[in-house]
Amino acid sequence: QVQLVESGGGLVQAGGSLRLSCAASGRTFTSYAMGWFRQAPGKEREFVAGISRSDATYYADSVKGRFLTSRDNAKNTWYLQMNNLKPEDTAVYYCARGRGVVVSQAYGYDYWGQGTQVTVSS
């Protein structure tokens, strides 16, 4: 049974930082691409960042230069470091396992975490 569990969300002031973690269980994830998505109230789920099997990273334009994704294969965990947070970053953040290469569409991912709330106050 594959399971992804996010943690690290919370309330932070604009300009602050948070680090999200996504712990995977069930099998090793070293051979999979991973993605981070977010969904704000009333909006569609959107791609935030991804990391390929070869550790190449990809970012949405809205977070480029502020967010950094990485993985620790030994811990079956990957991370989203979020710096200089803005109120528009407020959303539920999800991690997901890729079906193949990193893509920005949700259909490219087959397992999803339950989400963690990030709230940025102005």
N, C-alpha and C. Protein backbone atom coordinates (compact mmCIF):
# COMPACT_ATOMS: atom_id res chain seq x y z
N GLN A 1 0.84 -1.19 0.00
CA GLN A 1 0.00 0.00 0.00
C GLN A 1 0.88 1.24 0.00
N VAL A 2 0.77 2.04 -1.02
CA VAL A 2 1.54 3.27 -1.12
C VAL A 2 0.84 4.36 -0.31
N GLN A 3 1.61 5.07 0.46
CA GLN A 3 1.05 6.15 1.26
C GLN A 3 2.00 7.33 1.27
N LEU A 4 1.46 8.53 1.07
CA LEU A 4 2.23 9.77 1.13
C LEU A 4 1.63 10.64 2.22
N VAL A 5 2.48 11.17 3.09
CA VAL A 5 2.02 11.98 4.20
C VAL A 5 2.80 13.28 4.22
N GLU A 6 2.07 14.39 4.04
CA GLU A 6 2.71 15.70 4.10
C GLU A 6 2.71 16.22 5.53
N SER A 7 3.67 17.07 5.81
CA SER A 7 3.72 17.76 7.09
C SER A 7 4.49 19.07 6.90
N GLY A 8 4.39 19.94 7.91
CA GLY A 8 5.16 21.18 7.88
C GLY A 8 4.38 22.43 7.55
N GLY A 9 3.10 22.26 7.23
CA GLY A 9 2.29 23.44 6.95
C GLY A 9 2.02 24.24 8.21
N GLY A 10 1.44 25.41 8.03
CA GLY A 10 1.11 26.25 9.17
C GLY A 10 0.83 27.67 8.76
N LEU A 11 0.82 28.53 9.76
CA LEU A 11 0.55 29.95 9.56
C LEU A 11 1.87 30.72 9.66
N VAL A 12 2.12 31.57 8.69
CA VAL A 12 3.37 32.34 8.68
C VAL A 12 3.08 33.73 8.13
N GLN A 13 3.86 34.69 8.54
CA GLN A 13 3.70 36.04 8.02
C GLN A 13 4.37 36.16 6.66
N ALA A 14 3.91 37.10 5.89
CA ALA A 14 4.51 37.36 4.59
C ALA A 14 6.00 37.63 4.76
N GLY A 15 6.78 37.04 3.86
CA GLY A 15 8.23 37.14 3.95
C GLY A 15 8.88 36.01 4.72
N GLY A 16 8.08 35.21 5.40
CA GLY A 16 8.60 34.12 6.18
C GLY A 16 8.84 32.87 5.35
N SER A 17 9.23 31.80 6.04
CA SER A 17 9.58 30.54 5.38
C SER A 17 8.91 29.36 6.06
N LEU A 18 8.69 28.34 5.28
CA LEU A 18 8.22 27.05 5.78
C LEU A 18 8.89 25.95 4.96
N ARG A 19 9.04 24.81 5.57
CA ARG A 19 9.53 23.64 4.82
C ARG A 19 8.50 22.52 4.95
N LEU A 20 7.98 22.11 3.82
CA LEU A 20 7.05 20.99 3.78
C LEU A 20 7.82 19.70 3.55
N SER A 21 7.34 18.65 4.18
CA SER A 21 7.92 17.32 3.98
C SER A 21 6.85 16.38 3.46
N CYS A 22 7.28 15.42 2.69
CA CYS A 22 6.38 14.39 2.19
C CYS A 22 7.06 13.05 2.40
N ALA A 23 6.54 12.27 3.31
CA ALA A 23 7.11 10.97 3.63
C ALA A 23 6.34 9.89 2.89
N ALA A 24 7.07 9.03 2.23
CA ALA A 24 6.46 7.95 1.45
C ALA A 24 6.67 6.62 2.14
N SER A 25 5.66 5.80 2.10
CA SER A 25 5.78 4.45 2.64
C SER A 25 5.19 3.47 1.64
N GLY A 26 5.55 2.26 1.78
CA GLY A 26 5.00 1.24 0.89
C GLY A 26 6.05 0.67 -0.05
N ARG A 27 6.83 1.51 -0.61
CA ARG A 27 7.94 1.06 -1.44
C ARG A 27 8.87 2.24 -1.70
N THR A 28 10.04 1.95 -2.17
CA THR A 28 11.01 3.01 -2.41
C THR A 28 10.55 3.91 -3.54
N PHE A 29 10.84 5.19 -3.38
CA PHE A 29 10.43 6.17 -4.37
C PHE A 29 11.60 6.73 -5.16
N THR A 30 12.74 6.09 -5.05
CA THR A 30 13.91 6.63 -5.72
C THR A 30 13.78 6.60 -7.23
N SER A 31 12.96 5.72 -7.76
CA SER A 31 12.84 5.61 -9.20
C SER A 31 11.64 6.37 -9.76
N TYR A 32 11.10 7.28 -8.97
CA TYR A 32 9.92 8.02 -9.40
C TYR A 32 10.18 9.52 -9.38
N ALA A 33 9.54 10.21 -10.31
CA ALA A 33 9.47 11.65 -10.22
C ALA A 33 8.42 12.01 -9.17
N MET A 34 8.59 13.15 -8.55
CA MET A 34 7.66 13.60 -7.52
C MET A 34 7.24 15.03 -7.80
N GLY A 35 6.04 15.34 -7.38
CA GLY A 35 5.55 16.69 -7.62
C GLY A 35 4.89 17.30 -6.41
N TRP A 36 4.85 18.62 -6.39
CA TRP A 36 4.10 19.39 -5.40
C TRP A 36 3.05 20.21 -6.14
N PHE A 37 1.84 20.17 -5.63
CA PHE A 37 0.74 20.95 -6.16
C PHE A 37 0.12 21.74 -5.02
N ARG A 38 -0.70 22.71 -5.37
CA ARG A 38 -1.44 23.45 -4.35
C ARG A 38 -2.81 23.81 -4.88
N GLN A 39 -3.73 24.00 -3.94
CA GLN A 39 -5.08 24.39 -4.31
C GLN A 39 -5.60 25.40 -3.31
N ALA A 40 -5.90 26.57 -3.81
CA ALA A 40 -6.49 27.62 -3.00
C ALA A 40 -8.00 27.55 -3.12
N PRO A 41 -8.73 28.09 -2.13
CA PRO A 41 -10.20 28.05 -2.18
C PRO A 41 -10.74 28.66 -3.46
N GLY A 42 -11.61 27.92 -4.11
CA GLY A 42 -12.24 28.42 -5.33
C GLY A 42 -11.37 28.37 -6.57
N LYS A 43 -10.19 27.79 -6.44
CA LYS A 43 -9.28 27.71 -7.58
C LYS A 43 -8.95 26.26 -7.90
N GLU A 44 -8.46 26.05 -9.10
CA GLU A 44 -8.06 24.71 -9.49
C GLU A 44 -6.69 24.36 -8.89
N ARG A 45 -6.47 23.07 -8.78
CA ARG A 45 -5.17 22.61 -8.29
C ARG A 45 -4.10 22.98 -9.32
N GLU A 46 -2.98 23.51 -8.83
CA GLU A 46 -1.94 23.94 -9.74
C GLU A 46 -0.59 23.36 -9.36
N PHE A 47 0.21 23.14 -10.37
CA PHE A 47 1.57 22.64 -10.19
C PHE A 47 2.43 23.69 -9.54
N VAL A 48 3.25 23.26 -8.57
CA VAL A 48 4.16 24.17 -7.89
C VAL A 48 5.61 23.83 -8.23
N ALA A 49 5.96 22.56 -8.04
CA ALA A 49 7.35 22.15 -8.25
C ALA A 49 7.40 20.65 -8.48
N GLY A 50 8.50 20.21 -9.11
CA GLY A 50 8.68 18.79 -9.32
C GLY A 50 10.15 18.44 -9.34
N ILE A 51 10.42 17.19 -9.07
CA ILE A 51 11.80 16.70 -9.10
C ILE A 51 11.80 15.36 -9.83
N SER A 52 12.68 15.24 -10.79
CA SER A 52 12.72 14.04 -11.62
C SER A 52 13.51 12.92 -10.94
N ARG A 53 13.52 11.77 -11.59
CA ARG A 53 14.28 10.63 -11.06
C ARG A 53 15.77 10.93 -11.02
N SER A 54 16.21 11.81 -11.89
CA SER A 54 17.62 12.19 -11.90
C SER A 54 17.88 13.47 -11.13
N ASP A 55 16.89 13.89 -10.34
CA ASP A 55 16.99 15.06 -9.46
C ASP A 55 16.99 16.39 -10.19
N ALA A 56 16.56 16.40 -11.43
CA ALA A 56 16.31 17.69 -12.09
C ALA A 56 15.06 18.31 -11.47
N THR A 57 15.07 19.62 -11.28
CA THR A 57 13.95 20.28 -10.62
C THR A 57 13.24 21.24 -11.57
N TYR A 58 11.96 21.42 -11.31
CA TYR A 58 11.10 22.25 -12.15
C TYR A 58 10.19 23.05 -11.24
N TYR A 59 9.91 24.29 -11.64
CA TYR A 59 9.11 25.18 -10.81
C TYR A 59 8.12 25.97 -11.64
N ALA A 60 6.99 26.24 -11.02
CA ALA A 60 6.06 27.18 -11.63
C ALA A 60 6.68 28.57 -11.59
N ASP A 61 6.34 29.37 -12.56
CA ASP A 61 6.91 30.72 -12.63
C ASP A 61 6.60 31.53 -11.36
N SER A 62 5.46 31.28 -10.77
CA SER A 62 5.04 32.05 -9.60
C SER A 62 5.90 31.79 -8.36
N VAL A 63 6.63 30.68 -8.36
CA VAL A 63 7.43 30.36 -7.17
C VAL A 63 8.92 30.27 -7.47
N LYS A 64 9.28 30.42 -8.73
CA LYS A 64 10.68 30.29 -9.13
C LYS A 64 11.53 31.33 -8.39
N GLY A 65 12.63 30.88 -7.84
CA GLY A 65 13.51 31.75 -7.07
C GLY A 65 13.15 31.86 -5.60
N ARG A 66 11.98 31.37 -5.23
CA ARG A 66 11.56 31.41 -3.83
C ARG A 66 11.42 30.01 -3.21
N PHE A 67 11.02 29.04 -4.02
CA PHE A 67 10.81 27.68 -3.53
C PHE A 67 11.92 26.78 -4.05
N LEU A 68 12.21 25.75 -3.26
CA LEU A 68 13.24 24.78 -3.64
C LEU A 68 12.77 23.39 -3.24
N THR A 69 12.80 22.46 -4.18
CA THR A 69 12.40 21.09 -3.86
C THR A 69 13.62 20.19 -3.88
N SER A 70 13.60 19.20 -3.00
CA SER A 70 14.72 18.26 -2.90
C SER A 70 14.19 16.94 -2.38
N ARG A 71 15.05 15.93 -2.40
CA ARG A 71 14.63 14.62 -1.91
C ARG A 71 15.75 13.97 -1.12
N ASP A 72 15.35 13.15 -0.17
CA ASP A 72 16.29 12.34 0.59
C ASP A 72 15.88 10.88 0.37
N ASN A 73 16.54 10.23 -0.54
CA ASN A 73 16.14 8.87 -0.90
C ASN A 73 16.28 7.89 0.26
N ALA A 74 17.28 8.11 1.10
CA ALA A 74 17.48 7.21 2.23
C ALA A 74 16.29 7.24 3.19
N LYS A 75 15.62 8.38 3.24
CA LYS A 75 14.46 8.53 4.13
C LYS A 75 13.14 8.40 3.38
N ASN A 76 13.21 8.18 2.08
CA ASN A 76 11.97 8.12 1.28
C ASN A 76 11.12 9.37 1.51
N THR A 77 11.78 10.49 1.55
CA THR A 77 11.11 11.75 1.86
C THR A 77 11.59 12.81 0.88
N TRP A 78 10.68 13.68 0.48
CA TRP A 78 11.10 14.85 -0.26
C TRP A 78 10.48 16.10 0.31
N TYR A 79 11.04 17.22 -0.07
CA TYR A 79 10.81 18.46 0.63
C TYR A 79 10.46 19.60 -0.33
N LEU A 80 9.78 20.57 0.25
CA LEU A 80 9.55 21.82 -0.46
C LEU A 80 9.89 22.94 0.50
N GLN A 81 11.02 23.57 0.27
CA GLN A 81 11.43 24.72 1.06
C GLN A 81 10.81 25.97 0.43
N MET A 82 10.04 26.69 1.22
CA MET A 82 9.33 27.85 0.70
C MET A 82 9.83 29.09 1.42
N ASN A 83 10.43 29.99 0.69
CA ASN A 83 10.98 31.22 1.25
C ASN A 83 10.25 32.43 0.70
N ASN A 84 10.37 33.54 1.41
CA ASN A 84 9.75 34.79 0.98
C ASN A 84 8.28 34.56 0.62
N LEU A 85 7.57 33.93 1.52
CA LEU A 85 6.17 33.58 1.25
C LEU A 85 5.30 34.82 1.10
N LYS A 86 4.31 34.70 0.24
CA LYS A 86 3.38 35.78 -0.04
C LYS A 86 1.96 35.33 0.29
N PRO A 87 1.06 36.26 0.56
CA PRO A 87 -0.33 35.86 0.84
C PRO A 87 -0.94 35.00 -0.27
N GLU A 88 -0.55 35.23 -1.51
CA GLU A 88 -1.10 34.44 -2.61
C GLU A 88 -0.56 33.00 -2.64
N ASP A 89 0.38 32.68 -1.77
CA ASP A 89 0.84 31.30 -1.64
C ASP A 89 -0.08 30.49 -0.73
N THR A 90 -1.03 31.13 -0.10
CA THR A 90 -1.96 30.45 0.78
C THR A 90 -2.76 29.40 0.01
N ALA A 91 -2.70 28.17 0.49
CA ALA A 91 -3.36 27.06 -0.20
C ALA A 91 -3.14 25.78 0.60
N VAL A 92 -3.83 24.73 0.18
CA VAL A 92 -3.50 23.39 0.65
C VAL A 92 -2.47 22.83 -0.32
N TYR A 93 -1.38 22.35 0.23
CA TYR A 93 -0.28 21.82 -0.59
C TYR A 93 -0.30 20.29 -0.56
N TYR A 94 -0.13 19.71 -1.75
CA TYR A 94 -0.16 18.26 -1.90
C TYR A 94 1.13 17.77 -2.53
N CYS A 95 1.60 16.62 -2.08
CA CYS A 95 2.68 15.96 -2.78
C CYS A 95 2.09 14.78 -3.56
N ALA A 96 2.78 14.39 -4.59
CA ALA A 96 2.25 13.34 -5.46
C ALA A 96 3.39 12.59 -6.13
N ARG A 97 3.15 11.33 -6.41
CA ARG A 97 4.13 10.50 -7.10
C ARG A 97 3.86 10.50 -8.59
N GLY A 98 4.89 10.75 -9.37
CA GLY A 98 4.72 10.81 -10.81
C GLY A 98 4.59 9.46 -11.47
N ARG A 99 3.84 9.44 -12.58
CA ARG A 99 3.70 8.21 -13.38
C ARG A 99 4.92 8.02 -14.28
N GLY A 100 5.58 9.11 -14.58
CA GLY A 100 6.73 9.05 -15.48
C GLY A 100 7.60 10.27 -15.26
N VAL A 101 7.73 11.10 -16.28
CA VAL A 101 8.52 12.31 -16.14
C VAL A 101 7.72 13.37 -15.40
N VAL A 102 8.38 14.42 -14.96
CA VAL A 102 7.70 15.51 -14.27
C VAL A 102 6.85 16.27 -15.28
N VAL A 103 5.57 16.40 -14.97
CA VAL A 103 4.67 17.20 -15.78
C VAL A 103 3.89 18.13 -14.86
N SER A 104 3.31 19.15 -15.43
CA SER A 104 2.57 20.11 -14.60
C SER A 104 1.09 19.77 -14.48
N GLN A 105 0.65 18.71 -15.13
CA GLN A 105 -0.76 18.32 -15.06
C GLN A 105 -0.96 17.23 -14.01
N ALA A 106 -2.09 17.33 -13.30
CA ALA A 106 -2.36 16.39 -12.21
C ALA A 106 -2.48 14.95 -12.70
N TYR A 107 -2.90 14.74 -13.94
CA TYR A 107 -3.07 13.37 -14.43
C TYR A 107 -1.75 12.64 -14.55
N GLY A 108 -0.65 13.36 -14.44
CA GLY A 108 0.66 12.75 -14.51
C GLY A 108 1.13 12.12 -13.21
N TYR A 109 0.23 12.09 -12.21
CA TYR A 109 0.60 11.61 -10.88
C TYR A 109 -0.44 10.60 -10.42
N ASP A 110 0.02 9.53 -9.77
CA ASP A 110 -0.93 8.48 -9.43
C ASP A 110 -1.21 8.35 -7.94
N TYR A 111 -0.33 8.76 -7.09
CA TYR A 111 -0.58 8.71 -5.66
C TYR A 111 -0.42 10.11 -5.08
N TRP A 112 -1.34 10.46 -4.18
CA TRP A 112 -1.39 11.79 -3.61
C TRP A 112 -1.44 11.72 -2.10
N GLY A 113 -0.83 12.72 -1.46
CA GLY A 113 -0.98 12.86 -0.03
C GLY A 113 -2.31 13.53 0.30
N GLN A 114 -2.55 13.68 1.59
CA GLN A 114 -3.83 14.25 2.04
C GLN A 114 -3.84 15.77 2.04
N GLY A 115 -2.67 16.36 1.91
CA GLY A 115 -2.55 17.82 1.86
C GLY A 115 -2.21 18.42 3.21
N THR A 116 -1.55 19.55 3.17
CA THR A 116 -1.23 20.31 4.38
C THR A 116 -1.49 21.78 4.11
N GLN A 117 -2.13 22.45 5.05
CA GLN A 117 -2.54 23.84 4.86
C GLN A 117 -1.38 24.78 5.11
N VAL A 118 -1.20 25.69 4.18
CA VAL A 118 -0.24 26.79 4.34
C VAL A 118 -1.01 28.09 4.26
N THR A 119 -0.88 28.91 5.29
CA THR A 119 -1.57 30.19 5.34
C THR A 119 -0.53 31.29 5.56
N VAL A 120 -0.52 32.26 4.66
CA VAL A 120 0.42 33.37 4.74
C VAL A 120 -0.36 34.64 5.01
N SER A 121 -0.08 35.27 6.13
CA SER A 121 -0.79 36.50 6.49
C SER A 121 0.00 37.72 6.01
N SER A 122 -0.73 38.75 5.68
CA SER A 122 -0.09 39.97 5.16
C SER A 122 0.28 40.93 6.27
